[in-house]
């Protein structure tokens, strides 16, 4: 089986991911390695950082699901 050729959507990018929960940045830092964690006035939390590819993005979203964190938005910044 040959490896597939990289598609344009396979390249990494910076993402902002908002969840409807107030996370403790110190406690969650290990769960979201390399992501900045910002608490918002409305009680939500924004994770921002480099995501290597679509597989890594889906893995991050799955981790949020496994932690029962309600996903509000996913935005590709760059």
PDB file of N, CA and C in Angstrom:
ATOM      1  N   UNK A   1       0.851  -1.169   0.000  1.00  0.00           N
ATOM      2  CA  UNK A   1       0.000   0.000   0.000  1.00  0.00           C
ATOM      3  C   UNK A   1       0.895   1.230   0.000  1.00  0.00           C
ATOM      4  N   UNK A   2       0.621   2.168  -0.875  1.00  0.00           N
ATOM      5  CA  UNK A   2       1.441   3.377  -0.938  1.00  0.00           C
ATOM      6  C   UNK A   2       0.820   4.478  -0.091  1.00  0.00           C
ATOM      7  N   UNK A   3       1.676   5.346   0.403  1.00  0.00           N
ATOM      8  CA  UNK A   3       1.205   6.481   1.202  1.00  0.00           C
ATOM      9  C   UNK A   3       0.511   7.476   0.282  1.00  0.00           C
ATOM     10  N   UNK A   4      -0.492   8.134   0.805  1.00  0.00           N
ATOM     11  CA  UNK A   4      -1.186   9.118  -0.022  1.00  0.00           C
ATOM     12  C   UNK A   4      -0.378  10.407  -0.103  1.00  0.00           C
ATOM     13  N   UNK A   5      -0.551  11.128  -1.177  1.00  0.00           N
ATOM     14  CA  UNK A   5       0.124  12.419  -1.338  1.00  0.00           C
ATOM     15  C   UNK A   5      -0.545  13.435  -0.424  1.00  0.00           C
ATOM     16  N   UNK A   6       0.249  14.300   0.207  1.00  0.00           N
ATOM     17  CA  UNK A   6      -0.345  15.310   1.085  1.00  0.00           C
ATOM     18  C   UNK A   6      -1.317  16.204   0.316  1.00  0.00           C
ATOM     19  N   UNK A   7      -2.450  16.477   0.928  1.00  0.00           N
ATOM     20  CA  UNK A   7      -3.426  17.401   0.354  1.00  0.00           C
ATOM     21  C   UNK A   7      -3.244  18.752   1.024  1.00  0.00           C
ATOM     22  N   UNK A   8      -3.732  19.824   0.418  1.00  0.00           N
ATOM     23  CA  UNK A   8      -3.585  21.149   1.028  1.00  0.00           C
ATOM     24  C   UNK A   8      -4.162  21.229   2.435  1.00  0.00           C
ATOM     25  N   UNK A   9      -5.234  20.479   2.719  1.00  0.00           N
ATOM     26  CA  UNK A   9      -5.835  20.542   4.051  1.00  0.00           C
ATOM     27  C   UNK A   9      -5.081  19.691   5.077  1.00  0.00           C
ATOM     28  N   UNK A  10      -4.011  19.009   4.656  1.00  0.00           N
ATOM     29  CA  UNK A  10      -3.209  18.212   5.583  1.00  0.00           C
ATOM     30  C   UNK A  10      -2.125  19.032   6.277  1.00  0.00           C
ATOM     31  N   UNK A  11      -1.937  20.270   5.869  1.00  0.00           N
ATOM     32  CA  UNK A  11      -0.886  21.080   6.472  1.00  0.00           C
ATOM     33  C   UNK A  11      -1.365  21.653   7.792  1.00  0.00           C
ATOM     34  N   UNK A  12      -0.426  21.937   8.654  1.00  0.00           N
ATOM     35  CA  UNK A  12      -0.761  22.459   9.964  1.00  0.00           C
ATOM     36  C   UNK A  12      -1.218  23.904   9.920  1.00  0.00           C
ATOM     37  N   UNK A  13      -1.816  24.324  11.022  1.00  0.00           N
ATOM     38  CA  UNK A  13      -2.310  25.691  11.134  1.00  0.00           C
ATOM     39  C   UNK A  13      -2.525  26.017  12.605  1.00  0.00           C
ATOM     40  N   UNK A  14      -2.729  27.289  12.874  1.00  0.00           N
ATOM     41  CA  UNK A  14      -3.093  27.730  14.218  1.00  0.00           C
ATOM     42  C   UNK A  14      -4.619  27.715  14.307  1.00  0.00           C
ATOM     43  N   UNK A  15      -5.124  27.131  15.380  1.00  0.00           N
ATOM     44  CA  UNK A  15      -6.567  27.044  15.603  1.00  0.00           C
ATOM     45  C   UNK A  15      -6.935  27.669  16.939  1.00  0.00           C
ATOM     46  N   UNK A  16      -8.138  28.240  16.986  1.00  0.00           N
ATOM     47  CA  UNK A  16      -8.773  28.652  18.233  1.00  0.00           C
ATOM     48  C   UNK A  16      -9.964  27.726  18.430  1.00  0.00           C
ATOM     49  N   UNK A  17     -10.034  27.149  19.604  1.00  0.00           N
ATOM     50  CA  UNK A  17     -11.129  26.236  19.924  1.00  0.00           C
ATOM     51  C   UNK A  17     -11.783  26.738  21.205  1.00  0.00           C
ATOM     52  N   UNK A  18     -13.074  27.029  21.131  1.00  0.00           N
ATOM     53  CA  UNK A  18     -13.805  27.547  22.296  1.00  0.00           C
ATOM     54  C   UNK A  18     -14.695  26.452  22.862  1.00  0.00           C
ATOM     55  N   UNK A  19     -14.638  26.297  24.188  1.00  0.00           N
ATOM     56  CA  UNK A  19     -15.506  25.351  24.884  1.00  0.00           C
ATOM     57  C   UNK A  19     -16.341  26.107  25.909  1.00  0.00           C
ATOM     58  N   UNK A  20     -17.536  25.608  26.176  1.00  0.00           N
ATOM     59  CA  UNK A  20     -18.454  26.241  27.120  1.00  0.00           C
ATOM     60  C   UNK A  20     -18.184  25.718  28.522  1.00  0.00           C
ATOM     61  N   UNK A  21     -16.986  25.997  29.001  1.00  0.00           N
ATOM     62  CA  UNK A  21     -16.586  25.569  30.342  1.00  0.00           C
ATOM     63  C   UNK A  21     -15.411  26.422  30.784  1.00  0.00           C
ATOM     64  N   UNK A  22     -15.307  26.616  32.071  1.00  0.00           N
ATOM     65  CA  UNK A  22     -14.192  27.366  32.640  1.00  0.00           C
ATOM     66  C   UNK A  22     -13.126  26.358  33.064  1.00  0.00           C
ATOM     67  N   UNK A  23     -12.004  26.344  32.350  1.00  0.00           N
ATOM     68  CA  UNK A  23     -10.934  25.385  32.630  1.00  0.00           C
ATOM     69  C   UNK A  23      -9.831  26.021  33.461  1.00  0.00           C
ATOM     70  N   UNK A  24      -9.230  25.249  34.314  1.00  0.00           N
ATOM     71  CA  UNK A  24      -8.056  25.678  35.069  1.00  0.00           C
ATOM     72  C   UNK A  24      -6.840  25.475  34.171  1.00  0.00           C
ATOM     73  N   UNK A  25      -6.226  26.569  33.742  1.00  0.00           N
ATOM     74  CA  UNK A  25      -5.115  26.503  32.784  1.00  0.00           C
ATOM     75  C   UNK A  25      -3.966  25.640  33.298  1.00  0.00           C
ATOM     76  N   UNK A  26      -3.651  25.736  34.582  1.00  0.00           N
ATOM     77  CA  UNK A  26      -2.538  24.943  35.130  1.00  0.00           C
ATOM     78  C   UNK A  26      -2.864  23.458  35.113  1.00  0.00           C
ATOM     79  N   UNK A  27      -4.084  23.133  35.435  1.00  0.00           N
ATOM     80  CA  UNK A  27      -4.493  21.735  35.500  1.00  0.00           C
ATOM     81  C   UNK A  27      -4.616  21.115  34.107  1.00  0.00           C
ATOM     82  N   UNK A  28      -5.031  21.906  33.134  1.00  0.00           N
ATOM     83  CA  UNK A  28      -5.298  21.392  31.785  1.00  0.00           C
ATOM     84  C   UNK A  28      -4.113  21.485  30.839  1.00  0.00           C
ATOM     85  N   UNK A  29      -3.042  22.138  31.237  1.00  0.00           N
ATOM     86  CA  UNK A  29      -1.904  22.356  30.336  1.00  0.00           C
ATOM     87  C   UNK A  29      -1.362  21.046  29.767  1.00  0.00           C
ATOM     88  N   UNK A  30      -1.297  20.009  30.567  1.00  0.00           N
ATOM     89  CA  UNK A  30      -0.767  18.720  30.099  1.00  0.00           C
ATOM     90  C   UNK A  30      -1.712  18.053  29.098  1.00  0.00           C
ATOM     91  N   UNK A  31      -3.007  18.294  29.229  1.00  0.00           N
ATOM     92  CA  UNK A  31      -3.980  17.689  28.321  1.00  0.00           C
ATOM     93  C   UNK A  31      -3.912  18.307  26.936  1.00  0.00           C
ATOM     94  N   UNK A  32      -3.537  19.590  26.888  1.00  0.00           N
ATOM     95  CA  UNK A  32      -3.526  20.331  25.625  1.00  0.00           C
ATOM     96  C   UNK A  32      -2.140  20.912  25.396  1.00  0.00           C
ATOM     97  N   UNK A  33      -1.170  20.040  25.290  1.00  0.00           N
ATOM     98  CA  UNK A  33       0.241  20.396  25.165  1.00  0.00           C
ATOM     99  C   UNK A  33       0.481  21.434  24.070  1.00  0.00           C
ATOM    100  N   UNK A  34       1.117  22.532  24.448  1.00  0.00           N
ATOM    101  CA  UNK A  34       1.477  23.560  23.486  1.00  0.00           C
ATOM    102  C   UNK A  34       0.377  24.558  23.176  1.00  0.00           C
ATOM    103  N   UNK A  35      -0.809  24.360  23.711  1.00  0.00           N
ATOM    104  CA  UNK A  35      -1.917  25.279  23.452  1.00  0.00           C
ATOM    105  C   UNK A  35      -1.968  26.330  24.558  1.00  0.00           C
ATOM    106  N   UNK A  36      -2.247  27.575  24.177  1.00  0.00           N
ATOM    107  CA  UNK A  36      -2.502  28.587  25.197  1.00  0.00           C
ATOM    108  C   UNK A  36      -3.954  28.426  25.638  1.00  0.00           C
ATOM    109  N   UNK A  37      -4.208  28.687  26.905  1.00  0.00           N
ATOM    110  CA  UNK A  37      -5.547  28.523  27.470  1.00  0.00           C
ATOM    111  C   UNK A  37      -5.964  29.861  28.055  1.00  0.00           C
ATOM    112  N   UNK A  38      -7.045  30.431  27.519  1.00  0.00           N
ATOM    113  CA  UNK A  38      -7.517  31.746  27.943  1.00  0.00           C
ATOM    114  C   UNK A  38      -8.939  31.633  28.460  1.00  0.00           C
ATOM    115  N   UNK A  39      -9.151  32.106  29.690  1.00  0.00           N
ATOM    116  CA  UNK A  39     -10.491  32.125  30.270  1.00  0.00           C
ATOM    117  C   UNK A  39     -11.192  33.393  29.818  1.00  0.00           C
ATOM    118  N   UNK A  40     -12.451  33.288  29.441  1.00  0.00           N
ATOM    119  CA  UNK A  40     -13.226  34.424  28.949  1.00  0.00           C
ATOM    120  C   UNK A  40     -14.230  34.872  30.007  1.00  0.00           C
ATOM    121  N   UNK A  41     -14.642  36.126  29.913  1.00  0.00           N
ATOM    122  CA  UNK A  41     -15.574  36.698  30.883  1.00  0.00           C
ATOM    123  C   UNK A  41     -16.920  35.974  30.894  1.00  0.00           C
ATOM    124  N   UNK A  42     -17.301  35.371  29.776  1.00  0.00           N
ATOM    125  CA  UNK A  42     -18.596  34.687  29.695  1.00  0.00           C
ATOM    126  C   UNK A  42     -18.570  33.268  30.263  1.00  0.00           C
ATOM    127  N   UNK A  43     -17.427  32.862  30.839  1.00  0.00           N
ATOM    128  CA  UNK A  43     -17.314  31.533  31.435  1.00  0.00           C
ATOM    129  C   UNK A  43     -16.804  30.471  30.485  1.00  0.00           C
ATOM    130  N   UNK A  44     -16.549  30.843  29.251  1.00  0.00           N
ATOM    131  CA  UNK A  44     -15.993  29.886  28.295  1.00  0.00           C
ATOM    132  C   UNK A  44     -14.468  29.932  28.342  1.00  0.00           C
ATOM    133  N   UNK A  45     -13.844  29.009  27.648  1.00  0.00           N
ATOM    134  CA  UNK A  45     -12.386  28.935  27.573  1.00  0.00           C
ATOM    135  C   UNK A  45     -11.986  28.800  26.115  1.00  0.00           C
ATOM    136  N   UNK A  46     -10.920  29.522  25.731  1.00  0.00           N
ATOM    137  CA  UNK A  46     -10.392  29.428  24.375  1.00  0.00           C
ATOM    138  C   UNK A  46      -9.020  28.772  24.427  1.00  0.00           C
ATOM    139  N   UNK A  47      -8.865  27.710  23.653  1.00  0.00           N
ATOM    140  CA  UNK A  47      -7.575  27.055  23.458  1.00  0.00           C
ATOM    141  C   UNK A  47      -7.050  27.539  22.118  1.00  0.00           C
ATOM    142  N   UNK A  48      -5.787  27.939  22.079  1.00  0.00           N
ATOM    143  CA  UNK A  48      -5.217  28.375  20.807  1.00  0.00           C
ATOM    144  C   UNK A  48      -3.813  27.829  20.667  1.00  0.00           C
ATOM    145  N   UNK A  49      -3.503  27.355  19.469  1.00  0.00           N
ATOM    146  CA  UNK A  49      -2.163  26.861  19.223  1.00  0.00           C
ATOM    147  C   UNK A  49      -2.050  26.144  17.900  1.00  0.00           C
ATOM    148  N   UNK A  50      -0.831  25.710  17.619  1.00  0.00           N
ATOM    149  CA  UNK A  50      -0.502  25.021  16.379  1.00  0.00           C
ATOM    150  C   UNK A  50      -1.042  23.599  16.416  1.00  0.00           C
ATOM    151  N   UNK A  51      -1.736  23.222  15.352  1.00  0.00           N
ATOM    152  CA  UNK A  51      -2.231  21.859  15.185  1.00  0.00           C
ATOM    153  C   UNK A  51      -1.604  21.334  13.898  1.00  0.00           C
ATOM    154  N   UNK A  52      -0.907  20.218  13.990  1.00  0.00           N
ATOM    155  CA  UNK A  52      -0.067  19.727  12.892  1.00  0.00           C
ATOM    156  C   UNK A  52      -0.839  19.382  11.625  1.00  0.00           C
ATOM    157  N   UNK A  53      -2.021  18.778  11.767  1.00  0.00           N
ATOM    158  CA  UNK A  53      -2.784  18.356  10.590  1.00  0.00           C
ATOM    159  C   UNK A  53      -4.213  18.040  11.012  1.00  0.00           C
ATOM    160  N   UNK A  54      -5.023  17.608  10.060  1.00  0.00           N
ATOM    161  CA  UNK A  54      -6.425  17.311  10.347  1.00  0.00           C
ATOM    162  C   UNK A  54      -6.575  16.170  11.351  1.00  0.00           C
ATOM    163  N   UNK A  55      -5.709  15.182  11.284  1.00  0.00           N
ATOM    164  CA  UNK A  55      -5.778  14.070  12.235  1.00  0.00           C
ATOM    165  C   UNK A  55      -5.549  14.568  13.659  1.00  0.00           C
ATOM    166  N   UNK A  56      -4.598  15.471  13.836  1.00  0.00           N
ATOM    167  CA  UNK A  56      -4.329  16.033  15.158  1.00  0.00           C
ATOM    168  C   UNK A  56      -5.508  16.878  15.634  1.00  0.00           C
ATOM    169  N   UNK A  57      -6.139  17.605  14.719  1.00  0.00           N
ATOM    170  CA  UNK A  57      -7.309  18.407  15.076  1.00  0.00           C
ATOM    171  C   UNK A  57      -8.448  17.507  15.551  1.00  0.00           C
ATOM    172  N   UNK A  58      -8.716  16.436  14.811  1.00  0.00           N
ATOM    173  CA  UNK A  58      -9.765  15.503  15.229  1.00  0.00           C
ATOM    174  C   UNK A  58      -9.421  14.844  16.563  1.00  0.00           C
ATOM    175  N   UNK A  59      -8.149  14.568  16.796  1.00  0.00           N
ATOM    176  CA  UNK A  59      -7.729  14.010  18.077  1.00  0.00           C
ATOM    177  C   UNK A  59      -7.981  14.973  19.221  1.00  0.00           C
ATOM    178  N   UNK A  60      -7.713  16.253  18.986  1.00  0.00           N
ATOM    179  CA  UNK A  60      -7.956  17.281  19.995  1.00  0.00           C
ATOM    180  C   UNK A  60      -9.451  17.409  20.287  1.00  0.00           C
ATOM    181  N   UNK A  61     -10.258  17.399  19.240  1.00  0.00           N
ATOM    182  CA  UNK A  61     -11.710  17.470  19.424  1.00  0.00           C
ATOM    183  C   UNK A  61     -12.221  16.231  20.163  1.00  0.00           C
ATOM    184  N   UNK A  62     -11.664  15.070  19.870  1.00  0.00           N
ATOM    185  CA  UNK A  62     -12.048  13.842  20.578  1.00  0.00           C
ATOM    186  C   UNK A  62     -11.683  13.931  22.059  1.00  0.00           C
ATOM    187  N   UNK A  63     -10.536  14.539  22.360  1.00  0.00           N
ATOM    188  CA  UNK A  63     -10.133  14.705  23.764  1.00  0.00           C
ATOM    189  C   UNK A  63     -11.131  15.604  24.485  1.00  0.00           C
ATOM    190  N   UNK A  64     -11.567  16.679  23.842  1.00  0.00           N
ATOM    191  CA  UNK A  64     -12.577  17.559  24.443  1.00  0.00           C
ATOM    192  C   UNK A  64     -13.864  16.783  24.706  1.00  0.00           C
ATOM    193  N   UNK A  65     -14.269  15.951  23.740  1.00  0.00           N
ATOM    194  CA  UNK A  65     -15.463  15.116  23.903  1.00  0.00           C
ATOM    195  C   UNK A  65     -15.300  14.157  25.083  1.00  0.00           C
ATOM    196  N   UNK A  66     -14.136  13.521  25.168  1.00  0.00           N
ATOM    197  CA  UNK A  66     -13.882  12.562  26.244  1.00  0.00           C
ATOM    198  C   UNK A  66     -13.913  13.229  27.616  1.00  0.00           C
ATOM    199  N   UNK A  67     -13.564  14.518  27.663  1.00  0.00           N
ATOM    200  CA  UNK A  67     -13.593  15.274  28.913  1.00  0.00           C
ATOM    201  C   UNK A  67     -14.962  15.911  29.158  1.00  0.00           C
ATOM    202  N   UNK A  68     -15.928  15.619  28.281  1.00  0.00           N
ATOM    203  CA  UNK A  68     -17.302  16.141  28.375  1.00  0.00           C
ATOM    204  C   UNK A  68     -17.331  17.666  28.353  1.00  0.00           C
ATOM    205  N   UNK A  69     -16.449  18.267  27.538  1.00  0.00           N
ATOM    206  CA  UNK A  69     -16.413  19.719  27.405  1.00  0.00           C
ATOM    207  C   UNK A  69     -17.230  20.120  26.177  1.00  0.00           C
ATOM    208  N   UNK A  70     -18.280  20.912  26.368  1.00  0.00           N
ATOM    209  CA  UNK A  70     -19.130  21.310  25.240  1.00  0.00           C
ATOM    210  C   UNK A  70     -18.364  22.198  24.251  1.00  0.00           C
ATOM    211  N   UNK A  71     -18.283  21.767  23.019  1.00  0.00           N
ATOM    212  CA  UNK A  71     -17.582  22.494  21.971  1.00  0.00           C
ATOM    213  C   UNK A  71     -18.483  23.607  21.447  1.00  0.00           C
ATOM    214  N   UNK A  72     -17.955  24.837  21.423  1.00  0.00           N
ATOM    215  CA  UNK A  72     -18.716  25.985  20.935  1.00  0.00           C
ATOM    216  C   UNK A  72     -18.281  26.361  19.521  1.00  0.00           C
ATOM    217  N   UNK A  73     -16.956  26.423  19.297  1.00  0.00           N
ATOM    218  CA  UNK A  73     -16.466  26.857  17.984  1.00  0.00           C
ATOM    219  C   UNK A  73     -15.056  26.352  17.738  1.00  0.00           C
ATOM    220  N   UNK A  74     -14.754  26.140  16.461  1.00  0.00           N
ATOM    221  CA  UNK A  74     -13.400  25.818  16.007  1.00  0.00           C
ATOM    222  C   UNK A  74     -13.098  26.782  14.870  1.00  0.00           C
ATOM    223  N   UNK A  75     -12.022  27.548  15.013  1.00  0.00           N
ATOM    224  CA  UNK A  75     -11.674  28.557  14.019  1.00  0.00           C
ATOM    225  C   UNK A  75     -10.230  28.379  13.588  1.00  0.00           C
ATOM    226  N   UNK A  76     -10.013  28.254  12.291  1.00  0.00           N
ATOM    227  CA  UNK A  76      -8.648  28.204  11.759  1.00  0.00           C
ATOM    228  C   UNK A  76      -8.166  29.642  11.628  1.00  0.00           C
ATOM    229  N   UNK A  77      -7.153  29.998  12.423  1.00  0.00           N
ATOM    230  CA  UNK A  77      -6.649  31.366  12.456  1.00  0.00           C
ATOM    231  C   UNK A  77      -5.649  31.597  11.343  1.00  0.00           C
ATOM    232  N   UNK A  78      -4.804  30.631  11.100  1.00  0.00           N
ATOM    233  CA  UNK A  78      -3.712  30.798  10.136  1.00  0.00           C
ATOM    234  C   UNK A  78      -3.460  29.522   9.387  1.00  0.00           C
TER     235      UNK A  78
END
